Amino acid sequence: MTRAVPASIGRRSEDIPAVTMCALPFLRAPLISAAALLGLAALGLGSAAEARPRAPKAPPGGAAVVVDYGVNLAGFPIGTAQISGAFEGSRYRMDVSAQLTGLVGAVTGGQGSARAAGSFSEKPLPNAFSIATRTSNSGIAVRMALANGNVSRAEITPPLVDMGDRVPVSAAAKRGIVDPASALLMPAQGRGDLADPANCNRTLPVFDGATRFNVVLSYAETRQIEKPGYSGPVLVCNARYVAIGGHRPDRPGVKFMEDNTDMSVWLAPVEGARVLLPMRISVRTTLGTNIIEATRWSRSGGTPTAQASLAAH
């Protein structure tokens, strides 16, 4: 028997970005501020083929990984996503793409891409971030210039409408941040094993160009999993959302996310790069549980001590 897609998905296309608040960061609520939890998928300009990063090609002496994901809401497949990361010594580049598919894709036309680059030690220090998103009736682009995680310039096109009820984002709140794409990159804490539970315990200070929020991760358990291209441990981390600025505090969605305790991310180590990437993100929403889970993991290279610099992008 064919399962019916929840009626609310067909009625209100703006619900799709809202329910992916913590897992599809580039589906804002309405488009960009839903960057929320981990910034996992970028919905942007261009066709699906154009948005997809290519197969992993490791930089000289470095490592590269491409992870494909399926996106499900309340048990229904609604889209696909992909992360492509390149790592050379302490430098990184992250390309992220996504598109909504099936009925949801037909209703919203959502697709997109994003890129971030910078350096990392115990946390990412982005120097550049850009994203472009498009639905059937709107689009938005964001560009940020940063100096080691400190925002020097942020541009949103078209500009967000000032409703007068947003909490201001202070200058101090724009220092030491990570963008939604860089937030996917979890450098190892210290020199211990990548599967050390301590690698879960961190706070991600995310700024998406409009809203500033923290994602607080804490260790829950370690599991062994098998996926095409990956077999080994994953760290299961609980997640909490904390609004800082740029949000509208009276909106029901903000209150829902701040009270939401049913959110988690599974982190898998990238061999040879001293980083972890999401294998699975699960977020309870008002329309059901939103799950983004890896379907394929591809890695190349893997010299952990490489010191070559990434080409400028």
Protein backbone atom coordinates (compact mmCIF):
# COMPACT_ATOMS: atom_id res chain seq x y z
CA MET A 1 0.00 0.00 0.00
CA THR A 2 1.33 3.42 -0.95
CA ARG A 3 2.01 5.73 1.97
CA ALA A 4 0.59 9.21 1.74
CA VAL A 5 2.97 12.14 2.13
CA PRO A 6 1.91 14.33 5.09
CA ALA A 7 -0.64 16.83 3.81
CA SER A 8 1.16 19.77 5.39
CA ILE A 9 4.13 19.20 3.10
CA GLY A 10 2.01 19.70 0.05
CA ARG A 11 0.14 22.69 1.47
CA ARG A 12 2.99 24.84 2.67
CA SER A 13 6.31 24.77 0.89
CA GLU A 14 7.81 26.97 3.62
CA ASP A 15 7.35 24.07 6.06
CA ILE A 16 10.05 22.10 4.29
CA PRO A 17 12.88 24.49 5.22
CA ALA A 18 11.45 24.92 8.71
CA VAL A 19 11.43 21.24 9.58
CA THR A 20 15.01 20.76 8.42
CA MET A 21 16.16 23.46 10.79
CA CYS A 22 18.94 21.47 12.36
CA ALA A 23 19.96 19.20 9.58
CA LEU A 24 19.70 21.15 6.35
CA PRO A 25 21.40 24.34 7.29
CA PHE A 26 21.02 26.01 3.96
CA LEU A 27 17.29 25.52 3.91
CA ARG A 28 16.62 28.72 5.75
CA ALA A 29 13.50 29.29 7.78
CA PRO A 30 12.32 30.53 5.44
CA LEU A 31 15.65 29.77 3.72
CA ILE A 32 18.95 30.51 5.39
CA SER A 33 18.53 30.68 9.12
CA ALA A 34 17.40 27.15 9.34
CA ALA A 35 21.06 26.56 8.88
CA ALA A 36 20.53 25.61 12.30
CA LEU A 37 22.00 22.53 13.78
CA LEU A 38 24.97 21.39 11.77
CA GLY A 39 24.67 22.85 8.36
CA LEU A 40 24.55 19.52 6.65
CA ALA A 41 23.16 20.24 3.19
CA ALA A 42 23.35 23.28 0.99
CA LEU A 43 20.42 24.07 -1.27
CA GLY A 44 21.58 26.47 -3.97
CA LEU A 45 21.73 27.52 -7.58
CA GLY A 46 22.23 25.34 -10.62
CA SER A 47 21.06 21.93 -11.64
CA ALA A 48 21.55 18.88 -9.46
CA ALA A 49 24.43 17.79 -11.63
CA GLU A 50 26.10 21.19 -11.34
CA ALA A 51 25.61 21.29 -7.57
CA ARG A 52 27.16 17.88 -6.89
CA PRO A 53 30.82 17.90 -5.87
CA ARG A 54 32.95 15.56 -7.94
CA ALA A 55 34.39 12.24 -6.77
CA PRO A 56 37.10 12.63 -4.10
CA LYS A 57 40.47 13.73 -5.41
CA ALA A 58 43.04 14.14 -2.68
CA PRO A 59 45.35 17.15 -2.90
CA PRO A 60 49.08 16.28 -3.08
CA GLY A 61 50.03 14.76 0.27
CA GLY A 62 46.55 15.32 1.67
CA ALA A 63 43.25 13.50 2.03
CA ALA A 64 39.81 13.88 0.49
CA VAL A 65 36.40 12.43 1.26
CA VAL A 66 32.99 12.53 -0.42
CA VAL A 67 29.90 11.44 1.49
CA ASP A 68 26.51 10.95 -0.17
CA TYR A 69 23.38 11.22 1.98
CA GLY A 70 19.70 10.41 1.78
CA VAL A 71 17.28 12.83 3.42
CA ASN A 72 14.08 11.52 5.02
CA LEU A 73 11.23 13.21 6.87
CA ALA A 74 8.74 11.16 8.88
CA GLY A 75 9.92 8.06 7.02
CA PHE A 76 9.52 9.57 3.54
CA PRO A 77 12.52 10.24 1.27
CA ILE A 78 12.55 13.96 0.42
CA GLY A 79 16.02 14.64 -0.91
CA THR A 80 19.71 13.90 -1.29
CA ALA A 81 22.87 15.69 -0.17
CA GLN A 82 26.62 15.43 -0.55
CA ILE A 83 29.69 16.66 1.31
CA SER A 84 33.09 16.87 -0.36
CA GLY A 85 36.04 17.69 1.88
CA ALA A 86 39.71 18.22 1.02
CA PHE A 87 42.39 18.40 3.73
CA GLU A 88 46.08 19.35 3.47
CA GLY A 89 47.93 19.72 6.72
CA SER A 90 45.95 22.32 8.66
CA ARG A 91 44.03 23.60 5.61
CA TYR A 92 40.56 22.51 4.54
CA ARG A 93 37.94 23.11 1.88
CA MET A 94 34.32 21.94 2.22
CA ASP A 95 31.85 21.75 -0.67
CA VAL A 96 28.25 20.91 0.15
CA SER A 97 25.26 20.36 -2.13
CA ALA A 98 21.69 19.15 -1.83
CA GLN A 99 18.40 18.92 -3.61
CA LEU A 100 14.87 18.05 -2.61
CA THR A 101 13.35 15.23 -4.66
CA GLY A 102 10.02 13.54 -5.34
CA LEU A 103 6.80 15.36 -4.44
CA VAL A 104 8.58 17.73 -2.07
CA GLY A 105 11.09 18.62 -4.76
CA ALA A 106 8.30 19.16 -7.27
CA VAL A 107 6.50 21.51 -4.85
CA THR A 108 9.51 23.49 -3.63
CA GLY A 109 12.12 23.12 -6.36
CA GLY A 110 14.73 23.32 -3.62
CA GLN A 111 18.38 22.82 -4.55
CA GLY A 112 21.70 24.44 -3.86
CA SER A 113 25.40 24.47 -3.04
CA ALA A 114 27.87 26.03 -0.62
CA ARG A 115 31.62 26.26 -0.11
CA ALA A 116 33.84 27.08 2.85
CA ALA A 117 37.62 27.19 3.25
CA GLY A 118 40.10 27.94 5.98
CA SER A 119 42.39 26.28 8.49
CA PHE A 120 41.78 24.11 11.54
CA SER A 121 43.39 23.03 14.77
CA GLU A 122 40.94 21.97 17.47
CA LYS A 123 38.17 23.81 15.59
CA PRO A 124 37.67 25.18 12.08
CA LEU A 125 38.88 28.73 11.43
CA PRO A 126 37.07 29.70 8.22
CA ASN A 127 38.32 32.45 5.93
CA ALA A 128 35.57 32.33 3.30
CA PHE A 129 32.01 31.04 2.98
CA SER A 130 29.44 31.28 0.21
CA ILE A 131 26.07 29.71 -0.43
CA ALA A 132 23.33 30.03 -3.01
CA THR A 133 19.90 28.51 -2.58
CA ARG A 134 16.88 28.35 -4.82
CA THR A 135 13.29 27.17 -4.54
CA SER A 136 10.53 27.35 -7.12
CA ASN A 137 9.57 30.87 -6.06
CA SER A 138 12.63 32.41 -4.42
CA GLY A 139 16.39 32.35 -4.09
CA ILE A 140 19.05 33.73 -1.80
CA ALA A 141 22.83 34.06 -1.83
CA VAL A 142 25.19 34.67 1.07
CA ARG A 143 28.88 35.54 0.98
CA MET A 144 31.07 35.98 4.04
CA ALA A 145 34.70 37.03 4.35
CA LEU A 146 36.41 36.06 7.58
CA ALA A 147 39.82 36.21 9.23
CA ASN A 148 40.41 33.04 11.25
CA GLY A 149 36.74 32.75 12.15
CA ASN A 150 36.12 36.47 12.70
CA VAL A 151 33.55 37.94 10.30
CA SER A 152 34.85 40.96 8.38
CA ARG A 153 32.03 41.18 5.83
CA ALA A 154 28.70 39.45 5.25
CA GLU A 155 26.37 40.04 2.30
CA ILE A 156 22.90 38.58 1.78
CA THR A 157 21.12 38.93 -1.57
CA PRO A 158 18.31 39.87 -1.49
CA PRO A 159 18.58 41.48 1.97
CA LEU A 160 16.41 40.03 4.73
CA VAL A 161 13.29 42.03 5.52
CA ASP A 162 13.63 43.75 8.89
CA MET A 163 10.46 42.93 10.83
CA GLY A 164 11.73 44.79 13.89
CA ASP A 165 11.50 41.74 16.13
CA ARG A 166 14.87 40.08 15.56
CA VAL A 167 17.41 39.83 18.37
CA PRO A 168 20.45 41.83 17.20
CA VAL A 169 23.68 40.02 16.38
CA SER A 170 26.43 41.86 18.24
CA ALA A 171 29.91 42.44 16.85
CA ALA A 172 31.30 40.19 19.60
CA ALA A 173 28.97 37.37 18.50
CA LYS A 174 30.56 37.45 15.04
CA ARG A 175 34.01 36.60 16.37
CA GLY A 176 35.31 33.05 16.65
CA ILE A 177 32.41 31.60 14.65
CA VAL A 178 32.03 28.78 12.16
CA ASP A 179 29.86 28.97 9.06
CA PRO A 180 27.27 26.20 8.41
CA ALA A 181 29.54 24.31 6.00
CA SER A 182 32.60 24.48 8.27
CA ALA A 183 30.41 23.35 11.17
CA LEU A 184 30.30 19.93 9.52
CA LEU A 185 34.03 19.56 10.06
CA MET A 186 34.90 18.23 13.53
CA PRO A 187 38.68 18.31 14.15
CA ALA A 188 40.02 15.83 16.68
CA GLN A 189 40.29 17.17 20.21
CA GLY A 190 43.95 16.74 21.13
CA ARG A 191 46.18 13.91 19.93
CA GLY A 192 44.05 10.98 21.07
CA ASP A 193 42.20 8.40 19.01
CA LEU A 194 39.61 9.74 16.59
CA ALA A 195 37.06 7.44 18.23
CA ASP A 196 37.70 9.04 21.64
CA PRO A 197 34.32 10.05 23.16
CA ALA A 198 35.84 13.46 23.94
CA ASN A 199 35.52 14.30 20.24
CA CYS A 200 31.77 14.60 20.75
CA ASN A 201 32.00 17.18 23.51
CA ARG A 202 32.11 20.59 21.85
CA THR A 203 30.07 23.73 21.20
CA LEU A 204 29.71 24.95 17.61
CA PRO A 205 29.30 28.77 17.44
CA VAL A 206 27.49 29.00 14.08
CA PHE A 207 26.81 32.18 12.09
CA ASP A 208 25.06 31.85 8.72
CA GLY A 209 25.22 35.50 7.70
CA ALA A 210 21.94 36.38 9.41
CA THR A 211 21.53 34.33 12.58
CA ARG A 212 23.95 33.33 15.31
CA PHE A 213 23.36 30.19 17.37
CA ASN A 214 25.27 27.54 19.28
CA VAL A 215 25.03 23.81 18.72
CA VAL A 216 26.06 22.01 21.89
CA LEU A 217 27.21 18.41 21.38
CA SER A 218 27.74 15.81 24.11
CA TYR A 219 28.79 12.17 23.99
CA ALA A 220 26.06 9.50 24.16
CA GLU A 221 27.61 6.23 22.96
CA THR A 222 29.87 4.55 20.41
CA ARG A 223 28.49 2.23 17.71
CA GLN A 224 29.97 0.03 15.03
CA ILE A 225 28.41 0.50 11.60
CA GLU A 226 28.88 -0.62 8.02
CA LYS A 227 28.14 1.54 5.00
CA PRO A 228 29.34 1.30 1.40
CA GLY A 229 32.92 2.55 1.67
CA TYR A 230 33.04 2.64 5.49
CA SER A 231 33.16 0.06 8.26
CA GLY A 232 34.06 1.05 11.79
CA PRO A 233 33.10 3.11 14.83
CA VAL A 234 30.92 6.19 14.97
CA LEU A 235 30.50 8.53 17.92
CA VAL A 236 26.84 9.19 18.72
CA CYS A 237 26.52 12.75 20.04
CA ASN A 238 23.45 14.36 21.54
CA ALA A 239 22.78 17.89 20.29
CA ARG A 240 21.06 21.00 21.62
CA TYR A 241 20.23 24.27 19.86
CA VAL A 242 20.83 27.61 21.62
CA ALA A 243 19.68 30.82 19.90
CA ILE A 244 22.10 33.74 20.28
CA GLY A 245 21.09 36.48 17.84
CA GLY A 246 19.37 37.24 14.55
CA HIS A 247 16.39 35.06 15.49
CA ARG A 248 12.80 36.10 16.20
CA PRO A 249 12.23 34.89 19.77
CA ASP A 250 8.44 34.88 19.56
CA ARG A 251 8.39 32.46 16.63
CA PRO A 252 7.12 28.99 17.63
CA GLY A 253 9.89 27.28 15.68
CA VAL A 254 12.62 28.95 17.75
CA LYS A 255 11.02 27.86 21.03
CA PHE A 256 10.51 24.34 19.64
CA MET A 257 14.16 23.99 18.69
CA GLU A 258 15.47 25.36 21.98
CA ASP A 259 13.33 22.83 23.89
CA ASN A 260 14.13 19.97 21.50
CA THR A 261 16.09 17.18 23.20
CA ASP A 262 15.57 14.64 20.40
CA MET A 263 18.53 15.57 18.18
CA SER A 264 21.72 13.65 17.52
CA VAL A 265 24.64 13.37 15.13
CA TRP A 266 26.86 10.36 14.40
CA LEU A 267 30.49 11.29 13.70
CA ALA A 268 32.84 9.09 11.68
CA PRO A 269 36.62 9.59 11.45
CA VAL A 270 38.29 10.57 8.17
CA GLU A 271 41.40 8.42 8.06
CA GLY A 272 44.60 10.39 7.61
CA ALA A 273 43.04 13.81 8.23
CA ARG A 274 42.47 13.99 12.02
CA VAL A 275 38.87 15.10 11.47
CA LEU A 276 35.39 13.60 11.77
CA LEU A 277 32.36 14.16 9.54
CA PRO A 278 28.65 13.42 10.10
CA MET A 279 27.49 9.93 9.17
CA ARG A 280 23.93 10.57 10.35
CA ILE A 281 21.91 13.51 11.70
CA SER A 282 18.52 13.03 13.32
CA VAL A 283 16.25 15.89 14.39
CA ARG A 284 12.70 15.71 15.72
CA THR A 285 10.50 18.30 14.00
CA THR A 286 6.85 19.29 14.17
CA LEU A 287 6.24 17.14 11.08
CA GLY A 288 8.15 14.07 12.24
CA THR A 289 11.76 13.02 12.57
CA ASN A 290 14.13 14.41 9.95
CA ILE A 291 17.02 12.01 9.24
CA ILE A 292 20.00 12.65 7.00
CA GLU A 293 22.06 9.47 6.71
CA ALA A 294 25.10 8.53 4.65
CA THR A 295 24.51 6.13 1.78
CA ARG A 296 28.11 6.04 0.51
CA TRP A 297 31.51 7.08 1.90
CA SER A 298 34.46 7.56 -0.47
CA ARG A 299 37.97 8.53 0.64
CA SER A 300 41.28 9.04 -1.13
CA GLY A 301 44.78 10.03 -0.03
CA GLY A 302 45.49 10.19 3.66
CA THR A 303 48.97 11.37 4.60
CA PRO A 304 48.29 12.76 8.08
CA THR A 305 51.38 14.99 8.25
CA ALA A 306 50.97 16.74 4.93
CA GLN A 307 51.81 20.44 5.15
CA ALA A 308 51.02 21.60 1.61
CA SER A 309 48.55 24.45 1.31
CA LEU A 310 45.22 24.23 -0.48
CA ALA A 311 44.95 26.28 -3.61
CA ALA A 312 42.95 29.45 -3.09
CA HIS A 313 39.22 29.16 -3.78
